[in-house]
Amino acid sequence: MVGGVVTESCLNSLGVGKGNAIRLWCIDPNNPHNEMVVFTPIAVEVPKNGDLIWWSGDTIMWTAEDLSFVDRKIEKVGDSFDPRTEDMKP
């Protein structure tokens, strides 16, 4: 899975000396049992619940739930991972 619908966005520590980032938790709309987490730097505007994101490399593409914009680029920090099986830090 390389994207999905955001179900949670919150501030998360990246570890000692690494600062903070926004954790985006999302589910695959075609398979709600498939969940992934990805991180983005703290910004004025970040994806919120219901928005659609997908990622590749160091970029997250973001589409607003109301389609007011499509494929807005934001930075990705670290790797994506299944939050149910791995540590919550990138």
N, C-alpha and C. Protein backbone atom coordinates (compact mmCIF):
# COMPACT_ATOMS: atom_id res chain seq x y z
N MET A 1 0.84 -1.17 0.00
CA MET A 1 0.00 0.00 0.00
C MET A 1 0.89 1.24 0.00
N VAL A 2 0.61 2.17 -0.86
CA VAL A 2 1.37 3.42 -0.91
C VAL A 2 0.45 4.62 -0.84
N GLY A 3 -0.63 4.47 -0.13
CA GLY A 3 -1.54 5.59 0.03
C GLY A 3 -2.87 5.14 0.58
N GLY A 4 -3.72 6.12 0.85
CA GLY A 4 -5.04 5.81 1.36
C GLY A 4 -5.72 7.05 1.90
N VAL A 5 -6.79 6.83 2.64
CA VAL A 5 -7.56 7.90 3.25
C VAL A 5 -7.02 8.14 4.66
N VAL A 6 -6.73 9.39 4.98
CA VAL A 6 -6.20 9.75 6.29
C VAL A 6 -7.28 9.54 7.35
N THR A 7 -6.94 8.78 8.40
CA THR A 7 -7.86 8.57 9.51
C THR A 7 -7.40 9.28 10.77
N GLU A 8 -6.13 9.70 10.80
CA GLU A 8 -5.60 10.41 11.97
C GLU A 8 -4.37 11.19 11.54
N SER A 9 -4.28 12.42 12.04
CA SER A 9 -3.04 13.19 11.87
C SER A 9 -2.73 13.82 13.21
N CYS A 10 -1.50 13.62 13.68
CA CYS A 10 -1.13 14.18 14.99
C CYS A 10 0.38 14.39 15.05
N LEU A 11 0.78 15.23 16.00
CA LEU A 11 2.18 15.51 16.25
C LEU A 11 2.84 14.28 16.84
N ASN A 12 4.04 13.96 16.37
CA ASN A 12 4.74 12.78 16.85
C ASN A 12 6.23 13.10 16.95
N SER A 13 6.87 12.64 18.00
CA SER A 13 8.31 12.81 18.15
C SER A 13 9.04 11.85 17.24
N LEU A 14 10.11 12.33 16.62
CA LEU A 14 10.93 11.46 15.77
C LEU A 14 12.07 10.81 16.55
N GLY A 15 12.18 11.14 17.82
CA GLY A 15 13.24 10.57 18.65
C GLY A 15 14.15 11.66 19.18
N VAL A 16 14.98 11.31 20.11
CA VAL A 16 15.87 12.27 20.76
C VAL A 16 16.73 12.98 19.73
N GLY A 17 16.69 14.31 19.76
CA GLY A 17 17.51 15.12 18.86
C GLY A 17 17.03 15.19 17.42
N LYS A 18 15.91 14.55 17.09
CA LYS A 18 15.44 14.52 15.71
C LYS A 18 14.22 15.41 15.48
N GLY A 19 13.67 15.98 16.55
CA GLY A 19 12.53 16.88 16.39
C GLY A 19 11.20 16.16 16.29
N ASN A 20 10.23 16.88 15.73
CA ASN A 20 8.87 16.36 15.61
C ASN A 20 8.41 16.38 14.16
N ALA A 21 7.37 15.63 13.89
CA ALA A 21 6.75 15.61 12.57
C ALA A 21 5.27 15.29 12.76
N ILE A 22 4.52 15.42 11.70
CA ILE A 22 3.11 15.05 11.73
C ILE A 22 2.98 13.60 11.24
N ARG A 23 2.36 12.78 12.07
CA ARG A 23 2.12 11.38 11.70
C ARG A 23 0.77 11.31 11.00
N LEU A 24 0.76 10.75 9.79
CA LEU A 24 -0.47 10.56 9.02
C LEU A 24 -0.78 9.07 8.97
N TRP A 25 -1.85 8.67 9.61
CA TRP A 25 -2.28 7.28 9.65
C TRP A 25 -3.37 7.15 8.61
N CYS A 26 -3.26 6.19 7.72
CA CYS A 26 -4.28 6.06 6.67
C CYS A 26 -4.65 4.59 6.43
N ILE A 27 -5.81 4.42 5.82
CA ILE A 27 -6.30 3.09 5.46
C ILE A 27 -6.55 3.04 3.97
N ASP A 28 -6.44 1.85 3.42
CA ASP A 28 -6.74 1.60 2.02
C ASP A 28 -8.27 1.59 1.88
N PRO A 29 -8.85 2.47 1.06
CA PRO A 29 -10.31 2.50 0.95
C PRO A 29 -10.90 1.22 0.39
N ASN A 30 -10.09 0.43 -0.31
CA ASN A 30 -10.57 -0.84 -0.88
C ASN A 30 -10.37 -2.01 0.07
N ASN A 31 -9.58 -1.80 1.12
CA ASN A 31 -9.31 -2.85 2.11
C ASN A 31 -9.06 -2.18 3.45
N PRO A 32 -10.11 -1.90 4.24
CA PRO A 32 -9.95 -1.15 5.48
C PRO A 32 -9.08 -1.83 6.54
N HIS A 33 -8.68 -3.08 6.31
CA HIS A 33 -7.78 -3.76 7.24
C HIS A 33 -6.32 -3.47 6.92
N ASN A 34 -6.08 -2.77 5.79
CA ASN A 34 -4.74 -2.42 5.36
C ASN A 34 -4.45 -0.98 5.82
N GLU A 35 -3.56 -0.82 6.81
CA GLU A 35 -3.26 0.49 7.38
C GLU A 35 -1.77 0.79 7.22
N MET A 36 -1.46 2.08 7.03
CA MET A 36 -0.08 2.52 6.93
C MET A 36 0.07 3.86 7.61
N VAL A 37 1.29 4.16 8.04
CA VAL A 37 1.64 5.45 8.62
C VAL A 37 2.78 6.04 7.80
N VAL A 38 2.72 7.34 7.61
CA VAL A 38 3.78 8.09 6.95
C VAL A 38 3.92 9.41 7.70
N PHE A 39 5.12 10.00 7.67
CA PHE A 39 5.38 11.25 8.38
C PHE A 39 5.65 12.39 7.42
N THR A 40 5.25 13.60 7.81
CA THR A 40 5.54 14.81 7.06
C THR A 40 5.99 15.88 8.05
N PRO A 41 6.84 16.80 7.62
CA PRO A 41 7.27 17.86 8.54
C PRO A 41 6.08 18.70 9.01
N ILE A 42 6.26 19.34 10.15
CA ILE A 42 5.23 20.24 10.67
C ILE A 42 5.08 21.40 9.69
N ALA A 43 3.85 21.70 9.31
CA ALA A 43 3.57 22.77 8.36
C ALA A 43 2.27 23.47 8.76
N VAL A 44 2.02 24.60 8.14
CA VAL A 44 0.81 25.36 8.42
C VAL A 44 -0.42 24.54 8.03
N GLU A 45 -0.32 23.84 6.92
CA GLU A 45 -1.44 23.05 6.42
C GLU A 45 -0.98 21.62 6.17
N VAL A 46 -1.69 20.67 6.75
CA VAL A 46 -1.37 19.26 6.56
C VAL A 46 -2.67 18.50 6.28
N PRO A 47 -2.57 17.29 5.71
CA PRO A 47 -3.77 16.51 5.46
C PRO A 47 -4.57 16.27 6.74
N LYS A 48 -5.88 16.22 6.59
CA LYS A 48 -6.76 15.97 7.72
C LYS A 48 -7.59 14.73 7.45
N ASN A 49 -8.31 14.28 8.45
CA ASN A 49 -9.13 13.08 8.31
C ASN A 49 -10.04 13.20 7.08
N GLY A 50 -10.05 12.14 6.28
CA GLY A 50 -10.88 12.10 5.08
C GLY A 50 -10.14 12.47 3.81
N ASP A 51 -8.99 13.16 3.93
CA ASP A 51 -8.21 13.50 2.75
C ASP A 51 -7.51 12.25 2.22
N LEU A 52 -7.17 12.27 0.95
CA LEU A 52 -6.50 11.15 0.31
C LEU A 52 -5.03 11.50 0.10
N ILE A 53 -4.13 10.56 0.46
CA ILE A 53 -2.70 10.77 0.22
C ILE A 53 -2.12 9.53 -0.46
N TRP A 54 -1.04 9.73 -1.18
CA TRP A 54 -0.23 8.63 -1.70
C TRP A 54 1.20 9.16 -1.75
N TRP A 55 2.17 8.25 -1.74
CA TRP A 55 3.55 8.70 -1.65
C TRP A 55 4.48 7.86 -2.50
N SER A 56 5.60 8.50 -2.82
CA SER A 56 6.68 7.86 -3.57
C SER A 56 7.96 8.63 -3.25
N GLY A 57 9.01 7.91 -2.93
CA GLY A 57 10.27 8.57 -2.59
C GLY A 57 10.11 9.48 -1.39
N ASP A 58 10.50 10.74 -1.53
CA ASP A 58 10.41 11.69 -0.42
C ASP A 58 9.25 12.67 -0.58
N THR A 59 8.23 12.28 -1.36
CA THR A 59 7.09 13.15 -1.63
C THR A 59 5.77 12.46 -1.31
N ILE A 60 4.89 13.22 -0.66
CA ILE A 60 3.51 12.79 -0.45
C ILE A 60 2.63 13.64 -1.34
N MET A 61 1.74 13.02 -2.07
CA MET A 61 0.75 13.74 -2.88
C MET A 61 -0.55 13.73 -2.08
N TRP A 62 -1.21 14.88 -2.03
CA TRP A 62 -2.35 15.08 -1.15
C TRP A 62 -3.53 15.65 -1.93
N THR A 63 -4.67 15.00 -1.80
CA THR A 63 -5.92 15.47 -2.42
C THR A 63 -6.94 15.71 -1.31
N ALA A 64 -7.53 16.90 -1.32
CA ALA A 64 -8.52 17.24 -0.30
C ALA A 64 -9.78 16.39 -0.49
N GLU A 65 -10.41 16.03 0.63
CA GLU A 65 -11.63 15.23 0.59
C GLU A 65 -12.71 15.91 -0.26
N ASP A 66 -12.79 17.24 -0.18
CA ASP A 66 -13.81 17.97 -0.95
C ASP A 66 -13.36 18.30 -2.38
N LEU A 67 -12.19 17.77 -2.77
CA LEU A 67 -11.59 17.97 -4.10
C LEU A 67 -11.32 19.44 -4.41
N SER A 68 -11.13 20.26 -3.37
CA SER A 68 -10.79 21.67 -3.60
C SER A 68 -9.39 21.81 -4.19
N PHE A 69 -8.58 20.77 -4.05
CA PHE A 69 -7.29 20.68 -4.75
C PHE A 69 -6.95 19.21 -4.90
N VAL A 70 -6.09 18.92 -5.90
CA VAL A 70 -5.70 17.55 -6.22
C VAL A 70 -4.18 17.49 -6.34
N ASP A 71 -3.60 16.46 -5.73
CA ASP A 71 -2.16 16.19 -5.84
C ASP A 71 -1.27 17.37 -5.45
N ARG A 72 -1.52 17.94 -4.28
CA ARG A 72 -0.62 18.94 -3.71
C ARG A 72 0.57 18.19 -3.14
N LYS A 73 1.79 18.66 -3.42
CA LYS A 73 3.00 17.98 -2.95
C LYS A 73 3.39 18.48 -1.56
N ILE A 74 3.71 17.52 -0.68
CA ILE A 74 4.31 17.83 0.61
C ILE A 74 5.45 16.85 0.85
N GLU A 75 6.36 17.20 1.71
CA GLU A 75 7.54 16.38 1.97
C GLU A 75 7.20 15.17 2.84
N LYS A 76 7.83 14.04 2.53
CA LYS A 76 7.71 12.82 3.34
C LYS A 76 9.01 12.65 4.12
N VAL A 77 8.88 12.26 5.41
CA VAL A 77 10.03 12.04 6.27
C VAL A 77 10.10 10.55 6.60
N GLY A 78 11.23 9.93 6.34
CA GLY A 78 11.39 8.52 6.67
C GLY A 78 10.58 7.59 5.78
N ASP A 79 10.42 6.36 6.26
CA ASP A 79 9.71 5.33 5.50
C ASP A 79 8.28 5.19 6.00
N SER A 80 7.43 4.67 5.15
CA SER A 80 6.08 4.31 5.58
C SER A 80 6.14 2.93 6.23
N PHE A 81 5.15 2.63 7.07
CA PHE A 81 5.16 1.33 7.74
C PHE A 81 3.78 1.00 8.26
N ASP A 82 3.58 -0.28 8.57
CA ASP A 82 2.34 -0.75 9.17
C ASP A 82 2.42 -0.45 10.66
N PRO A 83 1.59 0.45 11.18
CA PRO A 83 1.70 0.86 12.58
C PRO A 83 1.32 -0.23 13.57
N ARG A 84 0.67 -1.24 13.10
CA ARG A 84 0.25 -2.32 14.01
C ARG A 84 1.39 -3.31 14.26
N THR A 85 2.43 -3.27 13.43
CA THR A 85 3.50 -4.25 13.56
C THR A 85 4.87 -3.64 13.78
N GLU A 86 5.00 -2.34 13.60
CA GLU A 86 6.33 -1.72 13.70
C GLU A 86 6.32 -0.55 14.66
N ASP A 87 7.50 -0.09 15.04
CA ASP A 87 7.67 1.06 15.91
C ASP A 87 7.04 2.30 15.27
N MET A 88 6.56 3.23 16.09
CA MET A 88 5.87 4.41 15.60
C MET A 88 6.80 5.54 15.19
N LYS A 89 8.08 5.30 15.03
CA LYS A 89 9.03 6.33 14.62
C LYS A 89 9.65 5.95 13.28
N PRO A 90 9.87 6.95 12.41
CA PRO A 90 10.46 6.64 11.08
C PRO A 90 11.90 6.22 11.17
